[in-house]
Amino acid sequence: MTCTAVILAAGRGVRMAASGPKVLHRVAGWPLVTHVVATAREAGCDPIVVVASPEVDLREAVGEDVCIVEQPADDYGTAAAAQAAGVSQCSDTAVVMFGDSPLLTAQTVREMADLRDERDAAIVVGWTQAPAPGDYGRVVMSDDGSVQAIVEAADADPATHALTSCNSGLMAFDAEWLGAALPRVPRSPATGERYLTAVVELAVADERRVVSHLIADDAETIGCDDLSRLADAEQAMQNRLRQSLLARGVQLRDPATTYLHRGVAVGAGSVLLPGTSLEGATSIGAGSTIGPNSRLIDATVGDGCDVESSRVSRSSLGDRVVVGPFAHVRDGCDIGPDSRLGSQTELKAAKLGNGVHVHHFGYLGDVEIGDGANIGAGTVTCNFDGTAKHRTVIGAEAFIGSDTMLIAPVTVGEGARTSASAVVTRDVPPGMLAVGIPARIRR
């Protein structure tokens, strides 16, 4: 069986009360539509078609392998959007999902596609049980589980309104039948839109099966059409990601204060302390301790590291690196194994060899430091001359005294030393000592 995913993502999200397209609002670091596309990929859907507004560029959010079609300007509603996808000859089954439902799982998509194939159904309607269904559409079913209709809450009579079987928005279709049925969907006399839910009545009239599929976890069906539901989706996604880490042997000392982005990887035996935030494509090795109150963004951290109350962004730490507390490792840093970065230390575009010690209250920007070097407290690489940035090179086993100012571009050779408070304006040869303001070279 082949399966096409159709993702409806043209909604403007006027109830979000915020600027920007609805499907580009984020949950766990990803745009809403990116979550849905990832689910479709995991479920094995091919092709994946996203129906978007012509006013919004979703290419970066959905990827180059996804087909994007535009919602017709003169034809409104979910049926019109699905028709624009043109899936009748692409696959045996078409699964239609909404671009603002980030918690939908690949397992649910596969189950519904398989059920449609097994039952030779025209439609499989995903539904969930909700004690307080609010404005969700109600799924009207027979005793045998077949679906008779999907009734919008505003159109429901008292008996139908009392139902707790809610439409999830997820439906699987016989793709060929759907292609023929969509042009027959009438416009709503109230709004002028053509609704996808109307195809249920068409299938019943065609004497085709319309079967139901219960989605047991109602969190999967959260649609982020306002900021309150966006917050609900964020909370549910965080709980899911935390449980996934716990199941893989990662300790979360206070799960409620641990914030994660989807796609973050943490090795078994690592510990995340309260207030930890792991964002972007962060990857942490085994046996590391992060936190409390640390923030890592697109960071790569090796095994056995300790990052205490610090920030690391778009940089890598080798094995057994100790950072903090209150250190800031900025973009472009590569910290070698067994190095130590003290409190109130800031690094930017710094490459450190193995076993480098950088003590507290320093700034090292645009610098390369060799193995085993010792950088005293308060050291600053003066890398900016008012026009351009310049690099500093410090050789292996060098000893930089406290409060040294290194005026880049400058090189301190292997085994060289600077005295406390030296202002180094010229290169220091290997094994030599720089003393004074400005520094003079001595043996």
Protein backbone atom coordinates (compact mmCIF):
# COMPACT_ATOMS: atom_id res chain seq x y z
CA MET A 1 0.00 0.00 0.00
CA THR A 2 1.23 3.48 -0.88
CA CYS A 3 0.28 6.51 1.20
CA THR A 4 0.28 10.24 0.50
CA ALA A 5 0.28 12.79 3.31
CA VAL A 6 -1.71 15.98 2.72
CA ILE A 7 -0.97 18.67 5.30
CA LEU A 8 -3.35 21.61 5.39
CA ALA A 9 -1.30 24.64 6.40
CA ALA A 10 -2.95 27.66 4.79
CA GLY A 11 -4.82 28.92 7.87
CA ARG A 12 -4.04 32.50 8.86
CA GLY A 13 -4.45 31.90 12.59
CA VAL A 14 -6.34 35.09 13.37
CA ARG A 15 -7.14 33.75 16.83
CA MET A 16 -3.44 33.53 17.68
CA ALA A 17 -3.57 37.28 18.38
CA ALA A 18 0.03 37.53 17.22
CA SER A 19 1.87 38.35 14.03
CA GLY A 20 3.13 35.67 11.69
CA PRO A 21 1.56 32.59 10.09
CA LYS A 22 -0.06 30.15 12.48
CA VAL A 23 1.89 27.06 11.37
CA LEU A 24 5.22 28.84 11.94
CA HIS A 25 4.56 29.33 15.65
CA ARG A 26 6.84 27.02 17.60
CA VAL A 27 6.47 24.10 19.98
CA ALA A 28 9.61 22.51 21.47
CA GLY A 29 11.73 24.67 19.18
CA TRP A 30 10.17 23.57 15.88
CA PRO A 31 7.52 25.32 13.76
CA LEU A 32 4.18 23.53 14.09
CA VAL A 33 4.20 22.39 10.46
CA THR A 34 7.72 20.96 10.83
CA HIS A 35 6.44 18.58 13.52
CA VAL A 36 3.65 17.39 11.24
CA VAL A 37 5.97 16.88 8.26
CA ALA A 38 8.37 14.91 10.49
CA THR A 39 5.50 12.68 11.60
CA ALA A 40 4.46 12.06 7.99
CA ARG A 41 8.05 11.11 7.08
CA GLU A 42 8.31 8.75 10.05
CA ALA A 43 5.02 7.13 9.04
CA GLY A 44 6.47 6.39 5.61
CA CYS A 45 4.21 8.72 3.63
CA ASP A 46 5.46 9.55 0.14
CA PRO A 47 4.78 12.00 -1.36
CA ILE A 48 4.14 14.65 1.28
CA VAL A 49 2.05 17.58 0.03
CA VAL A 50 1.65 20.80 2.02
CA VAL A 51 -1.17 23.14 1.08
CA ALA A 52 -0.06 26.67 1.97
CA SER A 53 -1.11 30.25 1.61
CA PRO A 54 0.54 32.02 -1.35
CA GLU A 55 1.53 34.77 1.08
CA VAL A 56 3.71 32.50 3.24
CA ASP A 57 7.00 30.80 2.38
CA LEU A 58 7.13 27.43 4.16
CA ARG A 59 10.07 25.95 2.25
CA GLU A 60 12.59 26.26 5.07
CA ALA A 61 10.13 24.81 7.59
CA VAL A 62 9.09 21.74 5.56
CA GLY A 63 12.24 20.83 3.62
CA GLU A 64 13.18 20.52 -0.02
CA ASP A 65 11.64 17.06 -0.46
CA VAL A 66 8.10 18.25 0.29
CA CYS A 67 5.70 19.38 -2.44
CA ILE A 68 4.07 22.74 -1.66
CA VAL A 69 0.86 23.76 -3.43
CA GLU A 70 -1.09 26.97 -2.94
CA GLN A 71 -4.59 27.25 -1.52
CA PRO A 72 -6.85 28.56 -4.32
CA ALA A 73 -7.58 32.26 -3.91
CA ASP A 74 -11.20 31.90 -5.00
CA ASP A 75 -12.03 28.59 -3.28
CA TYR A 76 -12.05 28.45 0.51
CA GLY A 77 -12.25 25.72 3.11
CA THR A 78 -10.55 22.44 3.96
CA ALA A 79 -12.15 20.55 1.07
CA ALA A 80 -10.84 23.16 -1.39
CA ALA A 81 -7.38 22.84 0.17
CA ALA A 82 -7.40 19.04 -0.08
CA GLN A 83 -8.58 19.25 -3.68
CA ALA A 84 -5.66 21.55 -4.51
CA ALA A 85 -3.27 18.80 -3.39
CA GLY A 86 -4.38 16.62 -6.34
CA VAL A 87 -3.74 13.25 -4.70
CA SER A 88 -6.20 11.03 -6.56
CA GLN A 89 -3.54 9.31 -8.66
CA CYS A 90 -0.55 9.56 -6.31
CA SER A 91 -1.21 6.69 -3.90
CA ASP A 92 -3.73 4.12 -2.71
CA THR A 93 -4.36 6.06 0.51
CA ALA A 94 -4.29 9.76 1.30
CA VAL A 95 -3.97 10.84 4.94
CA VAL A 96 -5.12 14.40 5.54
CA MET A 97 -3.79 16.15 8.62
CA PHE A 98 -3.57 19.71 9.88
CA GLY A 99 -0.36 21.72 10.02
CA ASP A 100 -1.14 23.04 13.51
CA SER A 101 -1.30 19.60 15.23
CA PRO A 102 2.30 18.98 16.37
CA LEU A 103 1.61 16.06 18.71
CA LEU A 104 0.23 13.66 16.14
CA THR A 105 2.30 10.44 16.10
CA ALA A 106 3.52 8.33 13.21
CA GLN A 107 1.97 5.25 14.83
CA THR A 108 -1.50 6.80 14.64
CA VAL A 109 -1.00 7.78 10.99
CA ARG A 110 0.14 4.25 10.08
CA GLU A 111 -2.72 2.63 12.01
CA MET A 112 -5.31 4.71 10.19
CA ALA A 113 -3.76 4.11 6.77
CA ASP A 114 -3.59 0.35 7.43
CA LEU A 115 -7.19 0.30 8.68
CA ARG A 116 -8.42 2.03 5.55
CA ASP A 117 -6.66 -0.56 3.41
CA GLU A 118 -7.83 -3.55 5.47
CA ARG A 119 -11.48 -2.45 5.49
CA ASP A 120 -11.47 -1.09 1.92
CA ALA A 121 -13.03 2.02 3.41
CA ALA A 122 -13.62 5.29 1.65
CA ILE A 123 -12.76 7.16 4.86
CA VAL A 124 -11.28 6.45 8.27
CA VAL A 125 -12.15 9.18 10.76
CA GLY A 126 -9.82 9.69 13.72
CA TRP A 127 -11.69 10.67 16.85
CA THR A 128 -10.97 11.09 20.53
CA GLN A 129 -12.99 11.02 23.73
CA ALA A 130 -13.17 14.45 25.37
CA PRO A 131 -15.19 15.04 28.56
CA ALA A 132 -15.48 18.74 27.66
CA PRO A 133 -15.39 18.84 23.83
CA GLY A 134 -16.11 22.57 23.56
CA ASP A 135 -16.12 23.76 19.94
CA TYR A 136 -14.75 20.57 18.40
CA GLY A 137 -16.90 18.84 15.80
CA ARG A 138 -18.85 15.78 17.00
CA VAL A 139 -18.45 12.39 15.32
CA VAL A 140 -21.81 10.64 15.04
CA MET A 141 -21.35 6.85 14.96
CA SER A 142 -23.50 3.74 14.70
CA ASP A 143 -23.29 0.88 17.17
CA ASP A 144 -20.87 -0.97 14.88
CA GLY A 145 -18.44 1.98 14.88
CA SER A 146 -19.26 3.20 11.40
CA VAL A 147 -19.42 6.97 11.03
CA GLN A 148 -22.66 8.57 9.93
CA ALA A 149 -21.64 12.23 10.03
CA ILE A 150 -19.31 14.83 11.46
CA VAL A 151 -21.31 17.73 12.84
CA GLU A 152 -19.74 21.08 13.69
CA ALA A 153 -20.47 22.19 17.25
CA ALA A 154 -22.27 25.31 16.07
CA ASP A 155 -24.61 23.21 13.91
CA ALA A 156 -25.30 20.43 16.43
CA ASP A 157 -28.71 19.82 17.98
CA PRO A 158 -28.79 19.26 21.77
CA ALA A 159 -28.43 15.46 21.49
CA THR A 160 -25.46 15.70 19.12
CA HIS A 161 -23.90 18.51 21.13
CA ALA A 162 -23.94 16.24 24.19
CA LEU A 163 -21.70 13.68 22.45
CA THR A 164 -18.12 13.43 23.68
CA SER A 165 -16.77 11.79 20.52
CA CYS A 166 -14.74 14.62 18.98
CA ASN A 167 -13.36 14.95 15.49
CA SER A 168 -9.54 14.97 15.59
CA GLY A 169 -9.23 16.43 12.08
CA LEU A 170 -7.13 13.43 11.00
CA MET A 171 -8.68 11.36 8.21
CA ALA A 172 -7.46 8.63 5.88
CA PHE A 173 -9.08 8.27 2.45
CA ASP A 174 -9.30 6.02 -0.55
CA ALA A 175 -7.30 8.46 -2.67
CA GLU A 176 -9.08 7.72 -5.94
CA TRP A 177 -12.52 8.05 -4.37
CA LEU A 178 -11.51 11.28 -2.61
CA GLY A 179 -10.33 12.83 -5.86
CA ALA A 180 -13.77 12.21 -7.39
CA ALA A 181 -15.69 13.29 -4.28
CA LEU A 182 -14.02 16.63 -3.48
CA PRO A 183 -15.48 18.54 -6.47
CA ARG A 184 -18.94 17.47 -5.23
CA VAL A 185 -18.55 19.12 -1.83
CA PRO A 186 -21.00 22.05 -1.67
CA ARG A 187 -20.29 25.48 -0.25
CA SER A 188 -21.58 26.27 3.21
CA PRO A 189 -24.51 28.68 2.91
CA ALA A 190 -23.27 30.43 6.06
CA THR A 191 -19.58 30.94 5.20
CA GLY A 192 -19.20 30.05 1.55
CA GLU A 193 -16.45 27.58 2.44
CA ARG A 194 -16.25 23.93 1.37
CA TYR A 195 -15.60 21.70 4.36
CA LEU A 196 -13.74 18.40 4.18
CA THR A 197 -16.02 16.88 6.81
CA ALA A 198 -18.85 16.98 4.24
CA VAL A 199 -17.29 14.07 2.36
CA VAL A 200 -18.54 11.72 5.09
CA GLU A 201 -22.12 12.23 3.95
CA LEU A 202 -21.01 11.76 0.32
CA ALA A 203 -19.38 8.44 1.21
CA VAL A 204 -22.51 7.28 3.02
CA ALA A 205 -24.59 8.25 -0.03
CA ASP A 206 -22.15 6.33 -2.25
CA GLU A 207 -22.61 3.29 0.04
CA ARG A 208 -18.92 3.25 0.88
CA ARG A 209 -17.56 2.34 4.31
CA VAL A 210 -16.73 5.16 6.72
CA VAL A 211 -15.05 3.66 9.77
CA SER A 212 -13.82 5.22 12.98
CA HIS A 213 -10.49 5.01 14.74
CA LEU A 214 -10.16 5.98 18.40
CA ILE A 215 -7.06 8.06 19.19
CA ALA A 216 -6.60 7.13 22.83
CA ASP A 217 -4.23 9.97 23.75
CA ASP A 218 -6.27 13.11 23.24
CA ALA A 219 -3.07 15.20 23.40
CA GLU A 220 -2.33 14.02 19.84
CA THR A 221 -5.37 15.91 18.62
CA ILE A 222 -4.46 19.33 20.07
CA GLY A 223 -4.83 21.89 17.31
CA CYS A 224 -2.98 25.14 18.01
CA ASP A 225 -5.55 27.62 16.74
CA ASP A 226 -5.07 30.05 19.63
CA LEU A 227 -2.31 30.84 22.11
CA SER A 228 -3.96 28.88 24.90
CA ARG A 229 -3.89 25.67 22.87
CA LEU A 230 -0.36 26.47 21.73
CA ALA A 231 0.62 26.52 25.41
CA ASP A 232 -1.23 23.22 25.96
CA ALA A 233 0.68 21.67 23.07
CA GLU A 234 4.01 22.91 24.45
CA GLN A 235 3.28 21.38 27.84
CA ALA A 236 2.22 18.06 26.34
CA MET A 237 5.27 17.94 24.04
CA GLN A 238 7.62 18.70 26.95
CA ASN A 239 6.11 15.84 28.95
CA ARG A 240 6.57 13.51 25.98
CA LEU A 241 10.21 14.52 25.45
CA ARG A 242 11.02 14.22 29.16
CA GLN A 243 9.54 10.74 29.36
CA SER A 244 11.58 9.73 26.33
CA LEU A 245 14.83 10.80 28.03
CA LEU A 246 13.89 9.06 31.28
CA ALA A 247 13.23 5.85 29.36
CA ARG A 248 16.72 6.07 27.84
CA GLY A 249 18.48 6.28 31.20
CA VAL A 250 18.82 10.06 31.62
CA GLN A 251 18.14 11.46 35.09
CA LEU A 252 15.93 14.54 35.34
CA ARG A 253 16.15 15.81 38.91
CA ASP A 254 13.20 18.16 38.41
CA PRO A 255 11.38 17.30 35.15
CA ALA A 256 8.98 20.22 35.43
CA THR A 257 11.83 22.75 35.15
CA THR A 258 13.72 20.91 32.39
CA TYR A 259 13.03 22.43 28.96
CA LEU A 260 13.78 20.48 25.79
CA HIS A 261 13.64 20.97 22.06
CA ARG A 262 12.59 18.12 19.81
CA GLY A 263 15.68 16.49 18.32
CA VAL A 264 17.91 16.96 21.38
CA ALA A 265 20.01 13.87 22.21
CA VAL A 266 21.32 12.96 25.69
CA GLY A 267 23.42 9.89 26.52
CA ALA A 268 22.54 7.35 29.19
CA GLY A 269 23.78 8.12 32.67
CA SER A 270 23.72 11.87 32.20
CA VAL A 271 21.98 14.07 34.76
CA LEU A 272 19.93 17.19 33.99
CA LEU A 273 19.61 19.39 37.05
CA PRO A 274 16.78 21.89 37.70
CA GLY A 275 16.45 24.83 35.33
CA THR A 276 18.28 23.16 32.44
CA SER A 277 17.31 24.15 28.87
CA LEU A 278 18.54 22.08 25.91
CA GLU A 279 17.72 23.69 22.58
CA GLY A 280 18.24 23.27 18.85
CA ALA A 281 20.41 20.33 17.76
CA THR A 282 22.13 19.94 21.13
CA SER A 283 23.80 16.58 21.72
CA ILE A 284 25.20 15.45 25.09
CA GLY A 285 27.30 12.35 25.66
CA ALA A 286 27.05 9.75 28.40
CA GLY A 287 27.65 10.50 32.07
CA SER A 288 27.56 14.29 31.85
CA THR A 289 25.94 16.64 34.36
CA ILE A 290 24.19 19.74 33.05
CA GLY A 291 22.88 22.46 35.34
CA PRO A 292 21.44 23.71 37.47
CA ASN A 293 20.26 26.66 35.37
CA SER A 294 22.33 25.93 32.27
CA ARG A 295 21.26 26.73 28.72
CA LEU A 296 22.72 24.83 25.76
CA ILE A 297 21.86 25.88 22.18
CA ASP A 298 23.05 23.78 19.22
CA ALA A 299 25.86 22.55 21.47
CA THR A 300 27.83 19.31 21.23
CA VAL A 301 28.98 18.03 24.63
CA GLY A 302 31.17 14.97 25.14
CA ASP A 303 31.12 12.26 27.79
CA GLY A 304 31.65 13.03 31.46
CA CYS A 305 31.30 16.82 31.18
CA ASP A 306 30.03 19.19 33.86
CA VAL A 307 28.31 22.42 32.77
CA GLU A 308 27.17 24.32 35.85
CA SER A 309 24.93 27.39 35.65
CA SER A 310 26.40 28.37 32.27
CA ARG A 311 25.48 28.98 28.64
CA VAL A 312 26.98 27.16 25.65
CA SER A 313 25.83 28.09 22.15
CA ARG A 314 26.81 26.57 18.79
CA SER A 315 30.05 25.19 20.19
CA SER A 316 31.56 21.81 21.07
CA LEU A 317 33.03 20.49 24.33
CA GLY A 318 35.30 17.46 24.35
CA ASP A 319 35.12 14.71 26.95
CA ARG A 320 35.48 15.58 30.65
CA VAL A 321 35.29 19.35 30.14
CA VAL A 322 34.24 21.40 33.19
CA VAL A 323 32.43 24.71 32.61
CA GLY A 324 31.31 27.30 35.12
CA PRO A 325 29.59 28.29 37.16
CA PHE A 326 28.39 31.39 35.29
CA ALA A 327 30.54 30.92 32.18
CA HIS A 328 29.50 31.84 28.63
CA VAL A 329 30.78 29.80 25.70
CA ARG A 330 29.67 31.71 22.62
CA ASP A 331 29.39 30.66 18.99
CA GLY A 332 32.24 28.92 17.23
CA CYS A 333 34.19 27.50 20.17
CA ASP A 334 35.90 24.10 20.16
CA ILE A 335 37.02 23.08 23.64
CA GLY A 336 39.42 20.14 23.89
CA PRO A 337 39.12 17.21 26.33
CA ASP A 338 39.95 17.69 30.02
CA SER A 339 39.84 21.49 29.79
CA ARG A 340 38.37 23.68 32.51
CA LEU A 341 36.58 27.01 32.12
CA GLY A 342 36.18 28.95 35.35
CA SER A 343 33.41 31.16 36.63
CA GLN A 344 32.56 34.42 34.82
CA THR A 345 34.66 33.33 31.83
CA GLU A 346 33.52 34.23 28.31
CA LEU A 347 34.82 32.61 25.13
CA LYS A 348 34.04 33.40 21.49
CA ALA A 349 35.42 31.66 18.38
CA ALA A 350 38.01 30.00 20.62
CA LYS A 351 39.83 26.76 19.88
CA LEU A 352 41.33 25.14 22.97
CA GLY A 353 43.58 22.09 22.96
CA ASN A 354 43.59 19.29 25.52
CA GLY A 355 43.81 20.10 29.21
CA VAL A 356 43.68 23.88 28.92
CA HIS A 357 42.78 25.73 32.12
CA VAL A 358 41.03 29.09 31.75
CA HIS A 359 40.50 30.69 35.13
CA HIS A 360 37.74 33.07 36.18
CA PHE A 361 36.83 36.60 35.03
CA GLY A 362 38.43 36.38 31.59
CA TYR A 363 37.46 37.06 27.98
CA LEU A 364 39.02 35.01 25.19
CA GLY A 365 37.77 35.95 21.74
CA ASP A 366 39.19 34.80 18.39
CA VAL A 367 41.91 32.74 20.03
CA GLU A 368 43.74 29.44 19.56
CA ILE A 369 45.31 27.85 22.65
CA GLY A 370 47.62 24.84 22.64
CA ASP A 371 47.53 21.76 24.88
CA GLY A 372 48.15 22.21 28.58
CA ALA A 373 48.24 26.01 28.58
CA ASN A 374 47.23 27.87 31.74
CA ILE A 375 45.30 31.14 31.38
CA GLY A 376 45.29 33.25 34.55
CA ALA A 377 42.27 35.01 35.99
CA GLY A 378 41.24 38.24 34.32
CA THR A 379 43.05 37.56 31.02
CA VAL A 380 41.61 39.36 27.99
CA THR A 381 42.36 38.93 24.31
CA CYS A 382 41.89 42.43 22.87
CA ASN A 383 40.68 41.19 19.51
CA PHE A 384 38.95 44.28 18.05
CA ASP A 385 40.84 47.34 16.86
CA GLY A 386 37.74 49.37 16.06
CA THR A 387 37.60 48.17 12.46
CA ALA A 388 38.40 44.46 12.31
CA LYS A 389 38.73 41.39 14.54
CA HIS A 390 42.17 39.79 14.97
CA ARG A 391 43.31 36.41 16.33
CA THR A 392 45.55 35.51 19.23
CA VAL A 393 47.61 32.30 19.28
CA ILE A 394 48.89 30.84 22.55
CA GLY A 395 51.22 27.87 22.35
CA ALA A 396 51.15 24.60 24.27
CA GLU A 397 52.17 24.70 27.94
CA ALA A 398 52.21 28.52 27.92
CA PHE A 399 51.47 30.31 31.20
CA ILE A 400 49.49 33.55 30.97
CA GLY A 401 49.61 35.58 34.17
CA SER A 402 46.54 37.07 35.79
CA ASP A 403 45.12 40.27 34.23
CA THR A 404 47.24 39.93 31.09
CA MET A 405 46.03 41.96 28.09
CA LEU A 406 46.91 40.32 24.75
CA ILE A 407 46.65 42.95 21.96
CA ALA A 408 45.78 40.96 18.82
CA PRO A 409 47.14 39.98 16.43
CA VAL A 410 49.76 38.41 18.67
CA THR A 411 51.38 35.03 19.26
CA VAL A 412 52.67 33.63 22.55
CA GLY A 413 55.00 30.73 21.83
CA GLU A 414 55.10 27.27 23.39
CA GLY A 415 56.17 27.30 27.04
CA ALA A 416 56.26 31.11 27.10
CA ARG A 417 55.02 33.12 30.07
CA THR A 418 53.56 36.53 30.82
CA SER A 419 53.71 38.30 34.13
CA ALA A 420 50.63 39.46 36.00
CA SER A 421 49.07 42.59 34.41
CA ALA A 422 51.32 42.44 31.35
CA VAL A 423 50.12 44.24 28.22
CA VAL A 424 51.44 42.13 25.34
CA THR A 425 51.67 44.10 22.08
CA ARG A 426 54.15 41.92 20.20
CA ASP A 427 54.91 38.23 19.78
CA VAL A 428 56.48 36.34 22.67
CA PRO A 429 58.96 33.71 21.43
CA PRO A 430 58.76 30.14 22.81
CA GLY A 431 60.12 29.78 26.33
CA MET A 432 60.43 33.54 26.90
CA LEU A 433 58.81 35.85 29.48
CA ALA A 434 56.84 39.04 28.76
CA VAL A 435 56.81 41.59 31.58
CA GLY A 436 55.38 45.09 32.00
CA ILE A 437 53.24 47.73 30.27
CA PRO A 438 53.89 47.48 27.39
CA ALA A 439 55.47 44.07 27.87
CA ARG A 440 59.22 43.60 27.35
CA ILE A 441 60.67 40.22 26.44
CA ARG A 442 63.05 38.52 28.89
CA ARG A 443 64.64 35.12 29.06
